[in-house]
Amino acid sequence: MKKYLELLKNTKLFHGIAETEIEALLSCLSAARQCYEKGELIFHRGEHITSVAMLLEGCIHIQKEDYWGNLSILSEISEGEIFGEVYACLGNDQILNNAVAVKQSIVLFLDINRILSTCPVSCYFHGRLIQNLLSVIASKNKILTQKLEHMSQRTTREKLLSYLSEQSLRAGCSSFHIPFNRQQLADFLSVDRSAMSNELCKMRDEGILMFDRNHFILK
């Protein structure tokens, strides 16, 4: 795990915890790594989990598929981010969505019971870890609220402008990259890809924005 200590030190989950303390925690939490190929499921709908997962390398999508095979991307997990923490905390509740590797990925699993149950010594950095976990869950709740704002818009154009505006504000610039290709963006916003592409071209022609693949400029 020494290879990933620098990454772990800069994650929200291990914020404020030194590398030597992280090494001790990983042992305490029964940390285990696993590699997944592109398209492989890390978690699947209906499963019960007892571990918090952290992405060390690669990219993962949390997605939902209905009875007819219609796909919706709920979120993208980047390196250093955790996922599955809510269901791990809930215990017996089944997962409602799939976690899929978008490309070859390496995932770190941490036992939720060992996270929430401090050791007899009750070390400072274990308490800090629990505080960090609560902070991450709160932050994700905020992001989910932002997505609901995009989804609540009535038209494809309004959904696009809501999402792109939020991405611009997050980047602090009118020129920015988004983490999705066209199909992934359509799945994320739950709109038809062709209709979305047509709307983007219309807004470009109207001088509202410019784009090149996943790079956008709002005008």
Protein backbone atom coordinates (compact mmCIF):
# COMPACT_ATOMS: atom_id res chain seq x y z
CA MET A 1 0.00 0.00 0.00
CA LYS A 2 3.00 2.31 0.24
CA LYS A 3 2.46 3.17 -3.44
CA TYR A 4 -0.88 4.80 -2.57
CA LEU A 5 0.00 6.56 0.70
CA GLU A 6 0.44 9.95 -0.98
CA LEU A 7 -2.97 9.60 -2.65
CA LEU A 8 -4.64 8.47 0.58
CA LYS A 9 -3.14 11.34 2.56
CA ASN A 10 -4.82 13.82 0.20
CA THR A 11 -8.28 12.21 0.24
CA LYS A 12 -11.22 13.57 2.21
CA LEU A 13 -11.52 10.32 4.16
CA PHE A 14 -7.95 10.48 5.49
CA HIS A 15 -7.72 14.28 5.71
CA GLY A 16 -5.56 15.41 8.61
CA ILE A 17 -4.08 11.95 9.22
CA ALA A 18 -0.33 11.41 8.74
CA GLU A 19 1.09 8.68 6.47
CA THR A 20 2.39 6.62 9.41
CA GLU A 21 -1.04 6.80 11.03
CA ILE A 22 -2.74 5.84 7.75
CA GLU A 23 -0.58 2.71 7.57
CA ALA A 24 -1.66 1.76 11.08
CA LEU A 25 -5.31 2.43 10.23
CA LEU A 26 -5.23 0.30 7.08
CA SER A 27 -4.08 -2.65 9.13
CA CYS A 28 -6.73 -1.96 11.78
CA LEU A 29 -9.49 -1.69 9.14
CA SER A 30 -8.61 -4.97 7.38
CA ALA A 31 -7.93 -3.04 4.16
CA ALA A 32 -7.94 -5.13 0.96
CA ARG A 33 -7.26 -4.19 -2.67
CA GLN A 34 -8.90 -5.64 -5.76
CA CYS A 35 -8.45 -4.99 -9.48
CA TYR A 36 -11.39 -4.77 -11.91
CA GLU A 37 -11.43 -4.81 -15.70
CA LYS A 38 -13.45 -2.37 -17.82
CA GLY A 39 -17.16 -3.16 -17.57
CA GLU A 40 -16.80 -5.27 -14.43
CA LEU A 41 -19.18 -4.74 -11.51
CA ILE A 42 -17.71 -3.73 -8.16
CA PHE A 43 -21.11 -3.67 -6.44
CA HIS A 44 -24.37 -4.86 -7.98
CA ARG A 45 -28.03 -4.12 -7.30
CA GLY A 46 -29.53 -6.31 -4.57
CA GLU A 47 -26.18 -6.99 -2.90
CA HIS A 48 -25.48 -6.51 0.83
CA ILE A 49 -22.11 -4.91 1.61
CA THR A 50 -20.08 -4.40 4.77
CA SER A 51 -17.19 -2.39 3.36
CA VAL A 52 -16.58 1.18 2.27
CA ALA A 53 -14.86 1.24 -1.13
CA MET A 54 -12.27 3.77 -2.26
CA LEU A 55 -11.05 4.12 -5.84
CA LEU A 56 -7.24 4.04 -6.02
CA GLU A 57 -6.86 3.92 -9.81
CA GLY A 58 -9.26 4.16 -12.75
CA CYS A 59 -12.83 5.45 -12.99
CA ILE A 60 -16.17 4.11 -11.76
CA HIS A 61 -19.77 5.00 -12.56
CA ILE A 62 -22.65 4.55 -10.16
CA GLN A 63 -25.53 3.72 -12.45
CA LYS A 64 -29.07 2.42 -12.49
CA GLU A 65 -30.76 0.27 -15.12
CA ASP A 66 -34.51 -0.22 -15.32
CA TYR A 67 -36.53 -3.27 -16.41
CA TRP A 68 -36.24 -2.28 -20.09
CA GLY A 69 -32.48 -1.71 -19.97
CA ASN A 70 -32.56 2.10 -19.90
CA LEU A 71 -29.37 3.30 -18.23
CA SER A 72 -28.97 6.31 -15.96
CA ILE A 73 -25.61 7.48 -14.58
CA LEU A 74 -26.06 8.74 -11.05
CA SER A 75 -22.48 9.81 -10.39
CA GLU A 76 -18.85 9.34 -11.39
CA ILE A 77 -16.27 8.20 -8.85
CA SER A 78 -12.78 9.63 -9.29
CA GLU A 79 -9.51 8.45 -7.76
CA GLY A 80 -9.44 9.03 -4.02
CA GLU A 81 -13.24 9.11 -3.65
CA ILE A 82 -15.28 6.59 -1.68
CA PHE A 83 -18.53 4.85 -2.61
CA GLY A 84 -20.90 2.34 -1.05
CA GLU A 85 -20.51 3.99 2.36
CA VAL A 86 -24.25 4.61 2.89
CA TYR A 87 -25.23 0.98 2.26
CA ALA A 88 -22.31 -0.27 4.33
CA CYS A 89 -23.53 1.87 7.24
CA LEU A 90 -27.14 0.71 6.78
CA GLY A 91 -26.09 -2.91 7.14
CA ASN A 92 -28.94 -5.12 5.93
CA ASP A 93 -30.30 -2.84 3.18
CA GLN A 94 -29.81 -4.01 -0.40
CA ILE A 95 -27.91 -1.79 -2.83
CA LEU A 96 -30.23 -0.10 -5.31
CA ASN A 97 -27.61 0.68 -7.98
CA ASN A 98 -24.59 -0.81 -9.74
CA ALA A 99 -20.99 0.35 -9.42
CA VAL A 100 -19.22 -0.33 -12.74
CA ALA A 101 -15.58 0.08 -13.76
CA VAL A 102 -15.43 2.47 -16.75
CA LYS A 103 -11.83 1.38 -17.31
CA GLN A 104 -9.39 -0.90 -15.50
CA SER A 105 -9.63 0.12 -11.87
CA ILE A 106 -8.14 -0.71 -8.47
CA VAL A 107 -10.41 -0.47 -5.44
CA LEU A 108 -9.57 -0.42 -1.73
CA PHE A 109 -12.12 -1.96 0.66
CA LEU A 110 -12.36 -0.92 4.31
CA ASP A 111 -14.48 -2.83 6.86
CA ILE A 112 -17.26 -0.49 8.02
CA ASN A 113 -17.60 -2.18 11.41
CA ARG A 114 -13.92 -1.59 12.13
CA ILE A 115 -14.28 2.05 11.04
CA LEU A 116 -17.22 2.74 13.34
CA SER A 117 -15.88 0.73 16.29
CA THR A 118 -12.79 2.42 17.68
CA CYS A 119 -10.00 0.30 19.08
CA PRO A 120 -9.51 -0.01 22.89
CA VAL A 121 -6.73 2.59 22.73
CA SER A 122 -9.22 4.97 21.03
CA CYS A 123 -6.46 6.65 19.02
CA TYR A 124 -6.96 10.23 17.87
CA PHE A 125 -6.62 9.45 14.18
CA HIS A 126 -9.34 6.79 14.30
CA GLY A 127 -11.73 9.38 15.73
CA ARG A 128 -10.66 11.78 12.99
CA LEU A 129 -11.45 9.09 10.39
CA ILE A 130 -15.04 8.81 11.66
CA GLN A 131 -15.44 12.60 11.52
CA ASN A 132 -14.10 12.60 7.96
CA LEU A 133 -16.53 9.87 6.93
CA LEU A 134 -19.48 11.91 8.20
CA SER A 135 -18.16 14.94 6.33
CA VAL A 136 -17.91 12.95 3.07
CA ILE A 137 -21.48 11.66 3.44
CA ALA A 138 -22.73 15.22 4.04
CA SER A 139 -20.81 16.48 1.00
CA LYS A 140 -22.30 13.76 -1.21
CA ASN A 141 -25.77 14.67 0.00
CA LYS A 142 -25.10 18.23 -1.18
CA ILE A 143 -23.98 16.96 -4.62
CA LEU A 144 -27.13 14.83 -4.89
CA THR A 145 -29.21 17.92 -4.14
CA GLN A 146 -27.42 19.75 -6.97
CA LYS A 147 -28.21 16.92 -9.38
CA LEU A 148 -31.86 17.03 -8.37
CA GLU A 149 -31.84 20.71 -9.31
CA HIS A 150 -30.64 19.80 -12.83
CA MET A 151 -33.18 16.98 -13.13
CA SER A 152 -36.06 19.19 -11.98
CA GLN A 153 -35.67 21.43 -15.03
CA ARG A 154 -38.42 20.88 -17.59
CA THR A 155 -36.57 20.87 -20.92
CA THR A 156 -33.35 19.35 -22.23
CA ARG A 157 -31.93 22.84 -22.76
CA GLU A 158 -32.73 23.88 -19.20
CA LYS A 159 -31.15 20.70 -17.81
CA LEU A 160 -28.00 21.29 -19.87
CA LEU A 161 -27.71 24.93 -18.86
CA SER A 162 -28.28 24.08 -15.20
CA TYR A 163 -25.55 21.41 -15.27
CA LEU A 164 -23.06 23.45 -17.31
CA SER A 165 -23.60 26.50 -15.14
CA GLU A 166 -22.87 24.45 -12.01
CA GLN A 167 -19.72 23.00 -13.61
CA SER A 168 -18.54 26.49 -14.56
CA LEU A 169 -19.08 27.77 -11.01
CA ARG A 170 -17.23 24.76 -9.63
CA ALA A 171 -14.28 25.40 -11.96
CA GLY A 172 -14.37 29.14 -11.21
CA CYS A 173 -14.10 29.84 -14.93
CA SER A 174 -16.30 30.06 -18.02
CA SER A 175 -13.97 27.55 -19.73
CA PHE A 176 -14.03 24.05 -18.22
CA HIS A 177 -14.05 20.29 -18.82
CA ILE A 178 -16.86 17.93 -17.81
CA PRO A 179 -16.19 14.28 -16.81
CA PHE A 180 -18.65 12.77 -19.33
CA ASN A 181 -18.75 11.98 -23.03
CA ARG A 182 -22.02 12.69 -24.90
CA GLN A 183 -23.74 9.38 -24.10
CA GLN A 184 -22.68 9.55 -20.46
CA LEU A 185 -23.92 13.14 -20.17
CA ALA A 186 -27.27 12.13 -21.66
CA ASP A 187 -27.52 9.23 -19.21
CA PHE A 188 -26.57 11.52 -16.31
CA LEU A 189 -29.28 14.05 -17.20
CA SER A 190 -31.77 11.34 -18.26
CA VAL A 191 -32.35 12.84 -21.70
CA ASP A 192 -32.22 11.48 -25.25
CA ARG A 193 -28.69 11.72 -26.67
CA SER A 194 -29.77 12.90 -30.14
CA ALA A 195 -32.08 15.56 -28.70
CA MET A 196 -29.32 16.68 -26.34
CA SER A 197 -26.75 16.92 -29.14
CA ASN A 198 -29.18 18.93 -31.27
CA GLU A 199 -29.81 21.29 -28.36
CA LEU A 200 -26.07 21.79 -27.81
CA CYS A 201 -25.61 22.66 -31.49
CA LYS A 202 -28.53 25.12 -31.34
CA MET A 203 -27.04 26.86 -28.30
CA ARG A 204 -23.66 27.00 -30.04
CA ASP A 205 -25.25 28.58 -33.12
CA GLU A 206 -27.09 31.06 -30.89
CA GLY A 207 -23.79 32.09 -29.31
CA ILE A 208 -24.67 30.81 -25.84
CA LEU A 209 -21.72 28.43 -25.61
CA MET A 210 -18.87 26.74 -27.44
CA PHE A 211 -17.70 23.16 -27.06
CA ASP A 212 -15.14 20.65 -28.28
CA ARG A 213 -15.87 17.14 -27.02
CA ASN A 214 -16.02 17.47 -23.23
CA HIS A 215 -14.56 21.00 -23.10
CA PHE A 216 -17.09 23.85 -22.84
CA ILE A 217 -16.97 27.63 -22.86
CA LEU A 218 -19.99 29.61 -21.68
CA LYS A 219 -20.40 32.97 -23.41
